[in-house]
C-alpha atoms as a PDB file:
ATOM      1  CA  MET A   1    -106.217  76.303  41.763  1.00  0.00           C
ATOM      2  CA  ILE A   2    -102.906  74.995  40.461  1.00  0.00           C
ATOM      3  CA  LYS A   3    -104.269  71.449  40.318  1.00  0.00           C
ATOM      4  CA  VAL A   4    -107.213  72.578  38.207  1.00  0.00           C
ATOM      5  CA  ALA A   5    -104.875  74.397  35.819  1.00  0.00           C
ATOM      6  CA  GLN A   6    -102.653  71.331  35.542  1.00  0.00           C
ATOM      7  CA  THR A   7    -105.633  69.088  34.848  1.00  0.00           C
ATOM      8  CA  ALA A   8    -106.863  71.506  32.191  1.00  0.00           C
ATOM      9  CA  ALA A   9    -103.431  71.556  30.559  1.00  0.00           C
ATOM     10  CA  ARG A  10    -103.075  67.773  30.520  1.00  0.00           C
ATOM     11  CA  THR A  11    -106.549  67.238  29.097  1.00  0.00           C
ATOM     12  CA  ALA A  12    -105.906  69.765  26.340  1.00  0.00           C
ATOM     13  CA  GLY A  13    -102.468  68.265  25.778  1.00  0.00           C
ATOM     14  CA  LYS A  14    -104.062  64.955  24.860  1.00  0.00           C
ATOM     15  CA  ILE A  15    -106.127  66.733  22.194  1.00  0.00           C
ATOM     16  CA  LEU A  16    -102.954  68.218  20.721  1.00  0.00           C
ATOM     17  CA  LEU A  17    -101.111  64.898  20.748  1.00  0.00           C
ATOM     18  CA  ASP A  18    -104.017  62.985  19.216  1.00  0.00           C
ATOM     19  CA  ASN A  19    -104.072  65.349  16.223  1.00  0.00           C
ATOM     20  CA  PHE A  20    -100.386  66.168  15.784  1.00  0.00           C
ATOM     21  CA  ARG A  21     -99.266  65.684  12.163  1.00  0.00           C
ATOM     22  CA  LYS A  22    -102.774  64.520  11.233  1.00  0.00           C
ATOM     23  CA  ILE A  23    -104.496  67.775  10.221  1.00  0.00           C
ATOM     24  CA  PRO A  24    -105.294  68.035   6.494  1.00  0.00           C
ATOM     25  CA  ALA A  25    -104.401  71.282   4.767  1.00  0.00           C
ATOM     26  CA  ASN A  26    -108.047  72.136   4.091  1.00  0.00           C
ATOM     27  CA  GLU A  27    -108.692  72.191   7.856  1.00  0.00           C
ATOM     28  CA  ILE A  28    -106.220  75.051   8.378  1.00  0.00           C
ATOM     29  CA  ARG A  29    -107.620  78.589   8.288  1.00  0.00           C
ATOM     30  CA  ARG A  30    -105.898  81.955   8.184  1.00  0.00           C
ATOM     31  CA  LYS A  31    -106.829  84.394  10.967  1.00  0.00           C
ATOM     32  CA  LEU A  32    -104.497  87.168   9.894  1.00  0.00           C
ATOM     33  CA  LYS A  33    -101.474  87.432   7.642  1.00  0.00           C
ATOM     34  CA  ASN A  34     -98.908  84.924   8.972  1.00  0.00           C
ATOM     35  CA  ASP A  35    -101.367  83.741  11.639  1.00  0.00           C
ATOM     36  CA  PHE A  36    -103.204  80.433  11.339  1.00  0.00           C
ATOM     37  CA  ILE A  37    -105.763  78.389  13.236  1.00  0.00           C
ATOM     38  CA  SER A  38    -107.278  74.912  13.065  1.00  0.00           C
ATOM     39  CA  PHE A  39    -110.038  73.040  14.846  1.00  0.00           C
ATOM     40  CA  VAL A  40    -107.389  71.775  17.282  1.00  0.00           C
ATOM     41  CA  ASP A  41    -106.803  75.269  18.727  1.00  0.00           C
ATOM     42  CA  GLU A  42    -110.536  75.621  19.242  1.00  0.00           C
ATOM     43  CA  GLN A  43    -111.024  72.167  20.786  1.00  0.00           C
ATOM     44  CA  SER A  44    -108.077  72.675  23.117  1.00  0.00           C
ATOM     45  CA  GLU A  45    -109.378  76.062  24.240  1.00  0.00           C
ATOM     46  CA  LYS A  46    -112.924  74.803  24.820  1.00  0.00           C
ATOM     47  CA  SER A  47    -111.555  71.946  26.908  1.00  0.00           C
ATOM     48  CA  ILE A  48    -109.454  74.282  29.059  1.00  0.00           C
ATOM     49  CA  LEU A  49    -112.259  76.783  29.544  1.00  0.00           C
ATOM     50  CA  LYS A  50    -114.709  74.069  30.575  1.00  0.00           C
ATOM     51  CA  THR A  51    -112.336  72.519  33.108  1.00  0.00           C
ATOM     52  CA  ILE A  52    -111.577  75.845  34.766  1.00  0.00           C
ATOM     53  CA  ALA A  53    -115.101  77.303  34.520  1.00  0.00           C
ATOM     54  CA  ASP A  54    -116.575  74.184  36.120  1.00  0.00           C
ATOM     55  CA  ALA A  55    -114.257  74.705  39.102  1.00  0.00           C
ATOM     56  CA  PHE A  56    -114.395  78.513  39.245  1.00  0.00           C
ATOM     57  CA  PRO A  57    -117.583  79.749  37.550  1.00  0.00           C
ATOM     58  CA  GLU A  58    -117.176  83.249  39.001  1.00  0.00           C
ATOM     59  CA  HIS A  59    -113.774  83.813  37.367  1.00  0.00           C
ATOM     60  CA  ALA A  60    -113.177  85.680  34.090  1.00  0.00           C
ATOM     61  CA  PHE A  61    -111.232  84.545  31.032  1.00  0.00           C
ATOM     62  CA  LEU A  62    -109.042  86.008  28.314  1.00  0.00           C
ATOM     63  CA  ALA A  63    -108.264  83.363  25.698  1.00  0.00           C
ATOM     64  CA  GLU A  64    -106.562  83.576  22.325  1.00  0.00           C
ATOM     65  CA  GLU A  65    -109.372  82.206  20.184  1.00  0.00           C
ATOM     66  CA  GLN A  66    -112.503  83.314  22.067  1.00  0.00           C
ATOM     67  CA  GLY A  67    -111.132  86.589  23.371  1.00  0.00           C
ATOM     68  CA  GLY A  68    -112.580  88.287  26.450  1.00  0.00           C
ATOM     69  CA  SER A  69    -111.884  91.575  28.173  1.00  0.00           C
ATOM     70  CA  ALA A  70    -112.892  91.168  31.797  1.00  0.00           C
ATOM     71  CA  HIS A  71    -110.020  93.147  33.280  1.00  0.00           C
ATOM     72  CA  ASP A  72    -112.207  94.418  36.134  1.00  0.00           C
ATOM     73  CA  HIS A  73    -112.585  90.950  37.672  1.00  0.00           C
ATOM     74  CA  ASP A  74    -110.397  89.985  40.629  1.00  0.00           C
ATOM     75  CA  TYR A  75    -109.494  86.668  38.987  1.00  0.00           C
ATOM     76  CA  LEU A  76    -108.609  86.561  35.297  1.00  0.00           C
ATOM     77  CA  TRP A  77    -107.422  83.399  33.564  1.00  0.00           C
ATOM     78  CA  ILE A  78    -105.282  84.092  30.483  1.00  0.00           C
ATOM     79  CA  ILE A  79    -105.055  81.112  28.151  1.00  0.00           C
ATOM     80  CA  ASP A  80    -103.190  80.077  25.037  1.00  0.00           C
ATOM     81  CA  PRO A  81    -104.543  76.659  24.024  1.00  0.00           C
ATOM     82  CA  LEU A  82    -101.735  76.118  21.517  1.00  0.00           C
ATOM     83  CA  ASP A  83     -98.660  78.308  21.637  1.00  0.00           C
ATOM     84  CA  GLY A  84     -96.551  77.595  18.589  1.00  0.00           C
ATOM     85  CA  THR A  85     -99.481  76.997  16.248  1.00  0.00           C
ATOM     86  CA  THR A  86     -97.382  77.327  13.093  1.00  0.00           C
ATOM     87  CA  ASN A  87     -94.883  74.794  14.429  1.00  0.00           C
ATOM     88  CA  TYR A  88     -97.738  72.441  15.254  1.00  0.00           C
ATOM     89  CA  LEU A  89     -99.401  72.756  11.854  1.00  0.00           C
ATOM     90  CA  GLN A  90     -96.079  72.235  10.072  1.00  0.00           C
ATOM     91  CA  GLY A  91     -95.265  69.157  12.148  1.00  0.00           C
ATOM     92  CA  VAL A  92     -92.449  70.852  14.074  1.00  0.00           C
ATOM     93  CA  PRO A  93     -92.330  69.367  17.604  1.00  0.00           C
ATOM     94  CA  VAL A  94     -92.141  72.630  19.563  1.00  0.00           C
ATOM     95  CA  PHE A  95     -95.448  73.822  21.027  1.00  0.00           C
ATOM     96  CA  ALA A  96     -97.158  74.162  24.385  1.00  0.00           C
ATOM     97  CA  ILE A  97    -100.266  75.054  26.339  1.00  0.00           C
ATOM     98  CA  SER A  98    -100.069  78.174  28.494  1.00  0.00           C
ATOM     99  CA  ILE A  99    -102.464  78.909  31.370  1.00  0.00           C
ATOM    100  CA  GLY A 100    -101.928  81.912  33.627  1.00  0.00           C
ATOM    101  CA  LEU A 101    -104.029  83.394  36.403  1.00  0.00           C
ATOM    102  CA  LEU A 102    -103.942  87.038  37.457  1.00  0.00           C
ATOM    103  CA  HIS A 103    -105.371  88.210  40.771  1.00  0.00           C
ATOM    104  CA  LYS A 104    -106.131  91.931  40.756  1.00  0.00           C
ATOM    105  CA  GLY A 105    -103.752  92.355  37.849  1.00  0.00           C
ATOM    106  CA  GLN A 106    -100.825  90.506  39.390  1.00  0.00           C
ATOM    107  CA  PRO A 107     -99.666  87.000  38.448  1.00  0.00           C
ATOM    108  CA  LYS A 108    -100.879  84.361  40.878  1.00  0.00           C
ATOM    109  CA  LEU A 109    -100.016  81.128  39.089  1.00  0.00           C
ATOM    110  CA  GLY A 110     -98.897  79.756  35.759  1.00  0.00           C
ATOM    111  CA  VAL A 111     -98.772  76.412  33.984  1.00  0.00           C
ATOM    112  CA  ILE A 112     -96.913  75.702  30.743  1.00  0.00           C
ATOM    113  CA  TYR A 113     -97.298  72.181  29.406  1.00  0.00           C
ATOM    114  CA  ASP A 114     -95.248  70.649  26.605  1.00  0.00           C
ATOM    115  CA  PRO A 115     -97.260  67.501  25.848  1.00  0.00           C
ATOM    116  CA  LEU A 116     -94.792  65.972  23.389  1.00  0.00           C
ATOM    117  CA  HIS A 117     -92.060  65.809  26.022  1.00  0.00           C
ATOM    118  CA  ASP A 118     -94.506  65.531  28.931  1.00  0.00           C
ATOM    119  CA  GLU A 119     -92.877  68.511  30.629  1.00  0.00           C
ATOM    120  CA  MET A 120     -95.098  70.561  32.888  1.00  0.00           C
ATOM    121  CA  PHE A 121     -93.666  73.800  34.228  1.00  0.00           C
ATOM    122  CA  TRP A 122     -95.645  75.582  36.914  1.00  0.00           C
ATOM    123  CA  ALA A 123     -95.439  78.131  39.671  1.00  0.00           C
ATOM    124  CA  GLU A 124     -97.584  79.763  42.316  1.00  0.00           C
ATOM    125  CA  ARG A 125     -96.732  83.176  43.701  1.00  0.00           C
ATOM    126  CA  GLY A 126     -94.515  82.769  46.755  1.00  0.00           C
ATOM    127  CA  LYS A 127     -94.142  78.993  46.382  1.00  0.00           C
ATOM    128  CA  GLY A 128     -91.355  78.595  43.829  1.00  0.00           C
ATOM    129  CA  ALA A 129     -91.260  77.157  40.325  1.00  0.00           C
ATOM    130  CA  PHE A 130     -91.301  73.506  39.310  1.00  0.00           C
ATOM    131  CA  LEU A 131     -90.830  71.132  36.394  1.00  0.00           C
ATOM    132  CA  ASN A 132     -92.682  67.841  36.814  1.00  0.00           C
ATOM    133  CA  GLY A 133     -92.564  68.292  40.578  1.00  0.00           C
ATOM    134  CA  ARG A 134     -88.879  69.204  40.834  1.00  0.00           C
ATOM    135  CA  PRO A 135     -87.851  72.744  41.836  1.00  0.00           C
ATOM    136  CA  ILE A 136     -86.253  74.797  39.068  1.00  0.00           C
ATOM    137  CA  THR A 137     -84.166  77.961  39.126  1.00  0.00           C
ATOM    138  CA  VAL A 138     -82.786  80.308  36.527  1.00  0.00           C
ATOM    139  CA  SER A 139     -79.145  80.117  35.481  1.00  0.00           C
ATOM    140  CA  LYS A 140     -76.314  81.858  37.325  1.00  0.00           C
ATOM    141  CA  LYS A 141     -74.544  83.349  34.326  1.00  0.00           C
ATOM    142  CA  SER A 142     -73.758  87.001  34.896  1.00  0.00           C
ATOM    143  CA  ARG A 143     -72.151  87.995  31.605  1.00  0.00           C
ATOM    144  CA  LEU A 144     -73.777  88.324  28.219  1.00  0.00           C
ATOM    145  CA  ASP A 145     -70.715  86.880  26.497  1.00  0.00           C
ATOM    146  CA  GLU A 146     -71.319  83.558  28.266  1.00  0.00           C
ATOM    147  CA  SER A 147     -75.092  83.530  27.822  1.00  0.00           C
ATOM    148  CA  PHE A 148     -77.446  81.471  25.647  1.00  0.00           C
ATOM    149  CA  ILE A 149     -80.280  83.698  24.407  1.00  0.00           C
ATOM    150  CA  ALA A 150     -83.648  82.988  22.784  1.00  0.00           C
ATOM    151  CA  THR A 151     -85.733  85.322  20.674  1.00  0.00           C
ATOM    152  CA  GLY A 152     -88.792  85.453  18.473  1.00  0.00           C
ATOM    153  CA  PHE A 153     -89.146  87.143  15.106  1.00  0.00           C
ATOM    154  CA  PRO A 154     -91.700  89.998  14.756  1.00  0.00           C
ATOM    155  CA  PHE A 155     -93.594  88.206  11.993  1.00  0.00           C
ATOM    156  CA  LYS A 156     -96.784  90.176  12.710  1.00  0.00           C
ATOM    157  CA  ALA A 157     -94.971  93.524  12.900  1.00  0.00           C
ATOM    158  CA  LYS A 158     -92.622  93.634   9.950  1.00  0.00           C
ATOM    159  CA  HIS A 159     -92.428  97.436  10.113  1.00  0.00           C
ATOM    160  CA  LEU A 160     -90.236  96.831  13.175  1.00  0.00           C
ATOM    161  CA  LEU A 161     -87.923  94.426  11.380  1.00  0.00           C
ATOM    162  CA  GLU A 162     -85.094  96.950  11.000  1.00  0.00           C
ATOM    163  CA  PRO A 163     -84.677  97.800  14.715  1.00  0.00           C
ATOM    164  CA  TYR A 164     -85.243  94.153  15.596  1.00  0.00           C
ATOM    165  CA  LEU A 165     -82.461  92.993  13.268  1.00  0.00           C
ATOM    166  CA  ALA A 166     -80.144  95.661  14.666  1.00  0.00           C
ATOM    167  CA  THR A 167     -80.858  94.310  18.144  1.00  0.00           C
ATOM    168  CA  PHE A 168     -80.359  90.743  16.942  1.00  0.00           C
ATOM    169  CA  GLN A 169     -76.989  91.665  15.470  1.00  0.00           C
ATOM    170  CA  ASP A 170     -75.785  93.394  18.643  1.00  0.00           C
ATOM    171  CA  ILE A 171     -76.728  90.490  20.893  1.00  0.00           C
ATOM    172  CA  PHE A 172     -75.575  87.848  18.399  1.00  0.00           C
ATOM    173  CA  LYS A 173     -72.094  89.361  18.347  1.00  0.00           C
ATOM    174  CA  GLU A 174     -71.726  88.933  22.088  1.00  0.00           C
ATOM    175  CA  CYS A 175     -73.671  85.902  23.336  1.00  0.00           C
ATOM    176  CA  ILE A 176     -72.502  82.299  22.899  1.00  0.00           C
ATOM    177  CA  GLY A 177     -75.609  81.226  20.993  1.00  0.00           C
ATOM    178  CA  LYS A 178     -79.104  82.137  19.844  1.00  0.00           C
ATOM    179  CA  ARG A 179     -82.266  80.133  19.361  1.00  0.00           C
ATOM    180  CA  ARG A 180     -85.683  80.842  17.858  1.00  0.00           C
ATOM    181  CA  MET A 181     -88.080  78.152  19.071  1.00  0.00           C
ATOM    182  CA  GLY A 182     -91.310  79.568  17.663  1.00  0.00           C
ATOM    183  CA  ALA A 183     -93.248  79.272  20.930  1.00  0.00           C
ATOM    184  CA  ALA A 184     -92.815  82.040  23.500  1.00  0.00           C
ATOM    185  CA  ALA A 185     -94.249  79.942  26.321  1.00  0.00           C
ATOM    186  CA  ILE A 186     -91.482  77.389  25.752  1.00  0.00           C
ATOM    187  CA  ASP A 187     -88.878  80.168  25.675  1.00  0.00           C
ATOM    188  CA  LEU A 188     -90.080  81.534  29.007  1.00  0.00           C
ATOM    189  CA  ALA A 189     -90.256  78.081  30.575  1.00  0.00           C
ATOM    190  CA  TYR A 190     -86.707  77.388  29.429  1.00  0.00           C
ATOM    191  CA  VAL A 191     -85.476  80.652  30.972  1.00  0.00           C
ATOM    192  CA  ALA A 192     -87.091  79.580  34.248  1.00  0.00           C
ATOM    193  CA  ALA A 193     -85.416  76.172  34.043  1.00  0.00           C
ATOM    194  CA  GLY A 194     -81.978  77.630  33.271  1.00  0.00           C
ATOM    195  CA  ARG A 195     -81.871  76.237  29.744  1.00  0.00           C
ATOM    196  CA  PHE A 196     -81.862  79.756  28.310  1.00  0.00           C
ATOM    197  CA  ASP A 197     -80.303  82.718  30.084  1.00  0.00           C
ATOM    198  CA  GLY A 198     -82.510  85.321  28.434  1.00  0.00           C
ATOM    199  CA  PHE A 199     -85.301  85.874  25.928  1.00  0.00           C
ATOM    200  CA  TRP A 200     -86.774  88.860  24.121  1.00  0.00           C
ATOM    201  CA  GLU A 201     -89.570  89.265  21.610  1.00  0.00           C
ATOM    202  CA  LEU A 202     -91.734  91.913  19.971  1.00  0.00           C
ATOM    203  CA  GLY A 203     -95.460  91.525  19.503  1.00  0.00           C
ATOM    204  CA  LEU A 204     -96.406  89.007  22.171  1.00  0.00           C
ATOM    205  CA  SER A 205     -99.983  88.926  23.420  1.00  0.00           C
ATOM    206  CA  PRO A 206    -100.991  88.446  27.069  1.00  0.00           C
ATOM    207  CA  TRP A 207    -101.799  84.755  26.530  1.00  0.00           C
ATOM    208  CA  ASP A 208     -98.284  84.123  25.210  1.00  0.00           C
ATOM    209  CA  GLN A 209     -96.634  85.239  28.435  1.00  0.00           C
ATOM    210  CA  ALA A 210     -99.011  85.382  31.419  1.00  0.00           C
ATOM    211  CA  ALA A 211     -98.054  81.918  32.662  1.00  0.00           C
ATOM    212  CA  GLY A 212     -94.367  82.358  31.891  1.00  0.00           C
ATOM    213  CA  TRP A 213     -94.273  85.635  33.811  1.00  0.00           C
ATOM    214  CA  VAL A 214     -94.878  84.069  37.218  1.00  0.00           C
ATOM    215  CA  ILE A 215     -92.862  80.931  36.419  1.00  0.00           C
ATOM    216  CA  VAL A 216     -89.752  82.954  35.514  1.00  0.00           C
ATOM    217  CA  GLU A 217     -90.073  85.213  38.543  1.00  0.00           C
ATOM    218  CA  GLU A 218     -90.664  82.329  40.949  1.00  0.00           C
ATOM    219  CA  ALA A 219     -87.574  80.630  39.501  1.00  0.00           C
ATOM    220  CA  GLY A 220     -85.556  83.714  40.456  1.00  0.00           C
ATOM    221  CA  GLY A 221     -85.605  85.547  37.126  1.00  0.00           C
ATOM    222  CA  LYS A 222     -86.953  88.842  35.887  1.00  0.00           C
ATOM    223  CA  VAL A 223     -89.548  89.874  33.290  1.00  0.00           C
ATOM    224  CA  THR A 224     -90.001  93.456  32.041  1.00  0.00           C
ATOM    225  CA  ASP A 225     -90.450  95.418  28.856  1.00  0.00           C
ATOM    226  CA  PHE A 226     -87.409  96.509  26.818  1.00  0.00           C
ATOM    227  CA  TRP A 227     -86.852  99.501  29.122  1.00  0.00           C
ATOM    228  CA  GLY A 228     -87.096  97.659  32.426  1.00  0.00           C
ATOM    229  CA  ASN A 229     -90.709  98.571  33.189  1.00  0.00           C
ATOM    230  CA  GLN A 230     -93.212  96.133  34.668  1.00  0.00           C
ATOM    231  CA  ASP A 231     -96.138  96.981  32.359  1.00  0.00           C
ATOM    232  CA  PHE A 232     -95.072  94.568  29.622  1.00  0.00           C
ATOM    233  CA  LEU A 233     -98.086  92.241  29.540  1.00  0.00           C
ATOM    234  CA  TYR A 234    -100.106  94.384  27.135  1.00  0.00           C
ATOM    235  CA  SER A 235     -97.240  96.425  25.652  1.00  0.00           C
ATOM    236  CA  HIS A 236     -95.949  93.804  23.157  1.00  0.00           C
ATOM    237  CA  TYR A 237     -92.331  94.398  24.259  1.00  0.00           C
ATOM    238  CA  THR A 238     -91.133  91.484  26.400  1.00  0.00           C
ATOM    239  CA  LEU A 239     -87.743  90.767  27.961  1.00  0.00           C
ATOM    240  CA  ALA A 240     -87.073  87.887  30.357  1.00  0.00           C
ATOM    241  CA  SER A 241     -83.797  86.768  31.882  1.00  0.00           C
ATOM    242  CA  ASN A 242     -82.078  85.188  34.842  1.00  0.00           C
ATOM    243  CA  GLY A 243     -81.919  88.689  36.311  1.00  0.00           C
ATOM    244  CA  LEU A 244     -78.131  88.800  36.306  1.00  0.00           C
ATOM    245  CA  ILE A 245     -77.855  89.804  32.645  1.00  0.00           C
ATOM    246  CA  HIS A 246     -81.064  91.826  32.535  1.00  0.00           C
ATOM    247  CA  LYS A 247     -79.458  95.275  32.564  1.00  0.00           C
ATOM    248  CA  GLN A 248     -76.985  94.180  29.893  1.00  0.00           C
ATOM    249  CA  LEU A 249     -79.840  93.056  27.658  1.00  0.00           C
ATOM    250  CA  ILE A 250     -81.792  96.268  28.265  1.00  0.00           C
ATOM    251  CA  LYS A 251     -78.735  98.275  27.221  1.00  0.00           C
ATOM    252  CA  LYS A 252     -78.372  96.271  24.006  1.00  0.00           C
ATOM    253  CA  ILE A 253     -82.064  96.325  23.106  1.00  0.00           C
ATOM    254  CA  SER A 254     -83.461  99.660  24.256  1.00  0.00           C
ATOM    255  CA  LYS A 255     -81.060 101.801  22.215  1.00  0.00           C
ATOM    256  CA  HIS A 256     -82.726 100.472  19.057  1.00  0.00           C
ATOM    257  CA  PHE A 257     -86.201 101.268  20.406  1.00  0.00           C
ATOM    258  CA  GLU A 258     -85.923 104.801  21.737  1.00  0.00           C
ATOM    259  CA  GLU A 259     -89.677 104.938  22.191  1.00  0.00           C
ATOM    260  CA  LYS A 260     -92.553 102.490  22.168  1.00  0.00           C
ATOM    261  CA  ILE A 261     -93.590 102.251  18.545  1.00  0.00           C
ATOM    262  CA  LYS A 262     -97.053 100.830  17.943  1.00  0.00           C
ATOM    263  CA  VAL A 263     -96.468  97.140  17.252  1.00  0.00           C
ATOM    264  CA  TYR A 264     -99.746  96.413  15.478  1.00  0.00           C
ATOM    265  CA  GLN A 265    -100.701  99.020  12.890  1.00  0.00           C
END
């Protein structure tokens, strides 16, 4: 299964590379406020779906552009054909393809492919995490004041901007540095590889994080919601870390979100 996912990611990656910085403005459409799409997203997704469906026709799919809701199937592929769409459309070289597979609701494998840098992160449950064939592990930093943290802005949930900024301020005061990459799949892959020590974001969808979930955990890290619960995939509250600073991050973040506020109104 992992080989099929990798092939799907590489094939779609070529589509992204062939069109990067070549899309005319009139080819860009608005899905929602602050959310855009182009023919490249659609071509990439169709390519991925075909590759996987040809190999596993009995499996179900949940993909960003075509949707799907087959949660009752044993095998569910969750796909983001272009994570970091705004970066891509603006010519910013930070984007990826994310392909995750759940088996009975639990992560079985994940592939995150950064075609510009030809970096493929992947993991299978119980087999470890890898970057281009080399094993990867999360960092060993155990204190927030020595940690490098990534985040994502709640651009689709601006009613949560105030508690988010309060959280940002608290963590910013203590950690050694912050980054906002604009592609959650990249953030999660970088946590798994030890490049970031932690990452949190509001408003993520399942396709943004399904692959990263298993990759981070197989690299020795932890992924939960802001309160330490495991049901984060559909909750829109995501926290990932090397595990060693996880409780410290929960303490900093959860006090600003005393209850789960509806992210999308």
